[in-house]
């Protein structure tokens, strides 16, 4: 699973996502592998990371913020890779 944290001040969203996945029975290194990439609002880095996720054929991309999500949608177009983003609490 690819995780793109596009802004450092909201990076804890990935931790919450992983915690919930653990509650659902996913154990990192056992039945799930996370490729967690972090950058700070760098559009070129977003594109490079997302290109790698698509090439690696990740099962899902968890991404934030909005700009990174828009790039993820474009990068995964024509693939079967779903893009998931956190909703505000």
N, C-alpha and C. Protein backbone atom coordinates (compact mmCIF):
# COMPACT_ATOMS: atom_id res chain seq x y z
N UNK A 1 0.84 -1.17 0.00
CA UNK A 1 0.00 0.00 0.00
C UNK A 1 0.89 1.23 0.00
N UNK A 2 0.60 2.14 -0.91
CA UNK A 2 1.34 3.38 -0.96
C UNK A 2 0.68 4.46 -0.13
N UNK A 3 1.47 5.13 0.67
CA UNK A 3 0.97 6.26 1.46
C UNK A 3 1.81 7.48 1.10
N UNK A 4 1.16 8.54 0.67
CA UNK A 4 1.85 9.79 0.36
C UNK A 4 1.37 10.87 1.32
N UNK A 5 2.28 11.25 2.23
CA UNK A 5 2.02 12.35 3.16
C UNK A 5 2.58 13.61 2.52
N UNK A 6 1.71 14.43 2.00
CA UNK A 6 2.15 15.59 1.26
C UNK A 6 2.39 16.84 2.08
N UNK A 7 2.03 16.84 3.34
CA UNK A 7 2.29 17.98 4.23
C UNK A 7 2.67 17.44 5.61
N UNK A 8 3.81 17.89 6.11
CA UNK A 8 4.31 17.35 7.37
C UNK A 8 3.37 17.59 8.56
N UNK A 9 2.68 18.71 8.58
CA UNK A 9 1.86 19.01 9.75
C UNK A 9 0.57 18.17 9.82
N UNK A 10 0.26 17.42 8.78
CA UNK A 10 -0.89 16.50 8.84
C UNK A 10 -0.45 15.04 8.68
N UNK A 11 0.85 14.79 8.83
CA UNK A 11 1.40 13.45 8.63
C UNK A 11 0.82 12.42 9.60
N UNK A 12 0.31 12.87 10.74
CA UNK A 12 -0.27 11.93 11.70
C UNK A 12 -1.51 11.23 11.15
N UNK A 13 -2.08 11.74 10.08
CA UNK A 13 -3.21 11.06 9.44
C UNK A 13 -2.80 9.66 8.98
N UNK A 14 -1.57 9.52 8.53
CA UNK A 14 -1.08 8.20 8.12
C UNK A 14 -0.98 7.26 9.32
N UNK A 15 -0.57 7.78 10.46
CA UNK A 15 -0.48 6.97 11.67
C UNK A 15 -1.86 6.47 12.09
N UNK A 16 -2.85 7.36 12.01
CA UNK A 16 -4.23 6.97 12.34
C UNK A 16 -4.76 5.92 11.38
N UNK A 17 -4.44 6.07 10.10
CA UNK A 17 -4.86 5.11 9.09
C UNK A 17 -4.24 3.74 9.38
N UNK A 18 -2.94 3.73 9.65
CA UNK A 18 -2.27 2.46 9.96
C UNK A 18 -2.84 1.82 11.23
N UNK A 19 -3.13 2.64 12.24
CA UNK A 19 -3.70 2.11 13.48
C UNK A 19 -5.04 1.45 13.22
N UNK A 20 -5.88 2.06 12.41
CA UNK A 20 -7.18 1.48 12.08
C UNK A 20 -7.02 0.20 11.28
N UNK A 21 -6.06 0.19 10.36
CA UNK A 21 -5.79 -1.03 9.59
C UNK A 21 -5.37 -2.16 10.52
N UNK A 22 -4.57 -1.84 11.54
CA UNK A 22 -4.16 -2.84 12.53
C UNK A 22 -5.39 -3.37 13.27
N UNK A 23 -6.30 -2.48 13.66
CA UNK A 23 -7.54 -2.91 14.32
C UNK A 23 -8.34 -3.86 13.43
N UNK A 24 -8.24 -3.67 12.12
CA UNK A 24 -8.97 -4.51 11.17
C UNK A 24 -8.25 -5.82 10.86
N UNK A 25 -7.09 -6.02 11.50
CA UNK A 25 -6.37 -7.28 11.34
C UNK A 25 -5.18 -7.25 10.41
N UNK A 26 -4.82 -6.09 9.90
CA UNK A 26 -3.66 -5.98 9.02
C UNK A 26 -2.41 -5.73 9.86
N UNK A 27 -1.43 -6.61 9.72
CA UNK A 27 -0.20 -6.51 10.49
C UNK A 27 0.95 -6.21 9.53
N UNK A 28 1.59 -5.07 9.76
CA UNK A 28 2.66 -4.66 8.86
C UNK A 28 3.77 -5.70 8.84
N UNK A 29 4.16 -6.07 7.63
CA UNK A 29 5.21 -7.07 7.45
C UNK A 29 4.68 -8.49 7.42
N UNK A 30 3.41 -8.68 7.82
CA UNK A 30 2.81 -10.01 7.82
C UNK A 30 1.81 -10.13 6.67
N UNK A 31 0.78 -9.29 6.67
CA UNK A 31 -0.21 -9.35 5.60
C UNK A 31 -0.44 -8.00 4.92
N UNK A 32 0.44 -7.03 5.23
CA UNK A 32 0.40 -5.73 4.54
C UNK A 32 1.79 -5.10 4.61
N UNK A 33 2.14 -4.41 3.55
CA UNK A 33 3.39 -3.65 3.50
C UNK A 33 3.04 -2.22 3.12
N UNK A 34 3.53 -1.29 3.92
CA UNK A 34 3.30 0.13 3.64
C UNK A 34 4.56 0.73 3.02
N UNK A 35 4.38 1.46 1.94
CA UNK A 35 5.45 2.28 1.37
C UNK A 35 5.04 3.71 1.67
N UNK A 36 5.52 4.21 2.81
CA UNK A 36 5.11 5.54 3.29
C UNK A 36 6.14 6.56 2.87
N UNK A 37 5.74 7.44 1.99
CA UNK A 37 6.61 8.49 1.47
C UNK A 37 6.11 9.84 1.97
N UNK A 38 7.06 10.70 2.34
CA UNK A 38 6.71 12.02 2.87
C UNK A 38 7.42 13.10 2.06
N UNK A 39 6.70 14.16 1.81
CA UNK A 39 7.27 15.35 1.18
C UNK A 39 6.45 16.53 1.67
N UNK A 40 6.94 17.71 1.45
CA UNK A 40 6.23 18.88 1.96
C UNK A 40 5.83 19.80 0.81
N UNK A 41 4.66 19.52 0.24
CA UNK A 41 4.07 20.31 -0.84
C UNK A 41 5.07 20.53 -1.97
N UNK A 42 5.57 19.42 -2.50
CA UNK A 42 6.53 19.44 -3.61
C UNK A 42 5.90 18.68 -4.77
N UNK A 43 5.36 19.41 -5.73
CA UNK A 43 4.60 18.78 -6.82
C UNK A 43 5.45 17.80 -7.62
N UNK A 44 6.71 18.12 -7.87
CA UNK A 44 7.58 17.20 -8.61
C UNK A 44 7.78 15.91 -7.82
N UNK A 45 7.96 16.04 -6.51
CA UNK A 45 8.12 14.86 -5.66
C UNK A 45 6.83 14.04 -5.65
N UNK A 46 5.67 14.70 -5.59
CA UNK A 46 4.40 13.98 -5.65
C UNK A 46 4.38 13.09 -6.88
N UNK A 47 4.70 13.67 -8.03
CA UNK A 47 4.64 12.93 -9.29
C UNK A 47 5.61 11.76 -9.29
N UNK A 48 6.83 11.97 -8.80
CA UNK A 48 7.81 10.89 -8.76
C UNK A 48 7.37 9.75 -7.85
N UNK A 49 6.87 10.10 -6.68
CA UNK A 49 6.41 9.09 -5.72
C UNK A 49 5.23 8.30 -6.30
N UNK A 50 4.28 9.01 -6.87
CA UNK A 50 3.10 8.35 -7.43
C UNK A 50 3.44 7.49 -8.64
N UNK A 51 4.39 7.93 -9.45
CA UNK A 51 4.85 7.11 -10.58
C UNK A 51 5.43 5.80 -10.06
N UNK A 52 6.20 5.87 -8.97
CA UNK A 52 6.76 4.66 -8.36
C UNK A 52 5.66 3.75 -7.83
N UNK A 53 4.67 4.33 -7.15
CA UNK A 53 3.55 3.52 -6.64
C UNK A 53 2.87 2.77 -7.78
N UNK A 54 2.61 3.45 -8.89
CA UNK A 54 1.95 2.81 -10.03
C UNK A 54 2.85 1.73 -10.61
N UNK A 55 4.13 2.01 -10.76
CA UNK A 55 5.07 1.01 -11.29
C UNK A 55 5.16 -0.21 -10.38
N UNK A 56 5.08 0.03 -9.07
CA UNK A 56 5.12 -1.06 -8.09
C UNK A 56 3.79 -1.81 -7.98
N UNK A 57 2.78 -1.29 -8.65
CA UNK A 57 1.43 -1.88 -8.64
C UNK A 57 0.89 -2.04 -7.22
N UNK A 58 0.97 -0.95 -6.45
CA UNK A 58 0.40 -0.99 -5.10
C UNK A 58 -1.09 -1.31 -5.19
N UNK A 59 -1.64 -1.85 -4.13
CA UNK A 59 -3.06 -2.20 -4.11
C UNK A 59 -3.96 -1.00 -3.86
N UNK A 60 -3.39 0.04 -3.24
CA UNK A 60 -4.18 1.21 -2.87
C UNK A 60 -3.22 2.36 -2.60
N UNK A 61 -3.66 3.58 -2.87
CA UNK A 61 -2.88 4.77 -2.51
C UNK A 61 -3.70 5.57 -1.51
N UNK A 62 -3.13 5.78 -0.32
CA UNK A 62 -3.70 6.66 0.71
C UNK A 62 -2.91 7.95 0.63
N UNK A 63 -3.58 9.06 0.36
CA UNK A 63 -2.87 10.29 0.03
C UNK A 63 -3.54 11.51 0.61
N UNK A 64 -2.74 12.52 0.92
CA UNK A 64 -3.22 13.81 1.38
C UNK A 64 -2.10 14.80 1.24
N UNK A 65 -2.36 16.08 1.07
CA UNK A 65 -3.60 16.83 1.03
C UNK A 65 -4.22 16.82 -0.37
N UNK A 66 -5.09 17.78 -0.62
CA UNK A 66 -5.87 17.84 -1.85
C UNK A 66 -5.00 17.84 -3.11
N UNK A 67 -3.95 18.64 -3.12
CA UNK A 67 -3.11 18.72 -4.31
C UNK A 67 -2.45 17.38 -4.62
N UNK A 68 -1.98 16.70 -3.61
CA UNK A 68 -1.38 15.38 -3.80
C UNK A 68 -2.44 14.37 -4.25
N UNK A 69 -3.65 14.52 -3.75
CA UNK A 69 -4.75 13.65 -4.15
C UNK A 69 -5.07 13.84 -5.62
N UNK A 70 -5.07 15.07 -6.07
CA UNK A 70 -5.33 15.34 -7.50
C UNK A 70 -4.24 14.71 -8.37
N UNK A 71 -3.00 14.79 -7.93
CA UNK A 71 -1.91 14.16 -8.67
C UNK A 71 -2.06 12.63 -8.65
N UNK A 72 -2.49 12.08 -7.53
CA UNK A 72 -2.69 10.63 -7.42
C UNK A 72 -3.79 10.17 -8.37
N UNK A 73 -4.85 10.93 -8.45
CA UNK A 73 -5.95 10.59 -9.36
C UNK A 73 -5.45 10.56 -10.80
N UNK A 74 -4.63 11.54 -11.17
CA UNK A 74 -4.09 11.58 -12.53
C UNK A 74 -3.11 10.43 -12.77
N UNK A 75 -2.27 10.15 -11.78
CA UNK A 75 -1.24 9.10 -11.94
C UNK A 75 -1.85 7.71 -12.04
N UNK A 76 -2.98 7.50 -11.38
CA UNK A 76 -3.59 6.17 -11.36
C UNK A 76 -4.67 5.99 -12.42
N UNK A 77 -4.93 7.04 -13.18
CA UNK A 77 -5.96 6.94 -14.22
C UNK A 77 -5.62 5.79 -15.18
N UNK A 78 -6.61 4.98 -15.47
CA UNK A 78 -6.42 3.85 -16.36
C UNK A 78 -5.89 2.60 -15.67
N UNK A 79 -5.66 2.69 -14.36
CA UNK A 79 -5.24 1.53 -13.59
C UNK A 79 -6.42 1.11 -12.72
N UNK A 80 -6.26 0.03 -12.01
CA UNK A 80 -7.28 -0.40 -11.05
C UNK A 80 -6.88 -0.03 -9.62
N UNK A 81 -5.98 0.92 -9.48
CA UNK A 81 -5.50 1.30 -8.16
C UNK A 81 -6.42 2.37 -7.57
N UNK A 82 -7.10 2.04 -6.46
CA UNK A 82 -7.96 3.05 -5.84
C UNK A 82 -7.14 4.10 -5.08
N UNK A 83 -7.67 5.30 -5.05
CA UNK A 83 -7.07 6.41 -4.32
C UNK A 83 -8.00 6.75 -3.16
N UNK A 84 -7.45 6.78 -1.94
CA UNK A 84 -8.23 7.04 -0.74
C UNK A 84 -7.62 8.26 -0.04
N UNK A 85 -8.49 9.15 0.42
CA UNK A 85 -8.02 10.32 1.15
C UNK A 85 -8.77 10.43 2.46
N UNK A 86 -8.12 10.98 3.49
CA UNK A 86 -8.80 11.13 4.78
C UNK A 86 -9.86 12.23 4.70
N UNK A 87 -10.91 12.04 5.44
CA UNK A 87 -11.95 13.06 5.55
C UNK A 87 -11.73 13.84 6.83
N UNK A 88 -12.02 15.13 6.83
CA UNK A 88 -11.86 15.93 8.05
C UNK A 88 -12.74 15.39 9.17
N UNK A 89 -12.21 15.45 10.36
CA UNK A 89 -12.98 14.98 11.54
C UNK A 89 -14.06 15.94 11.91
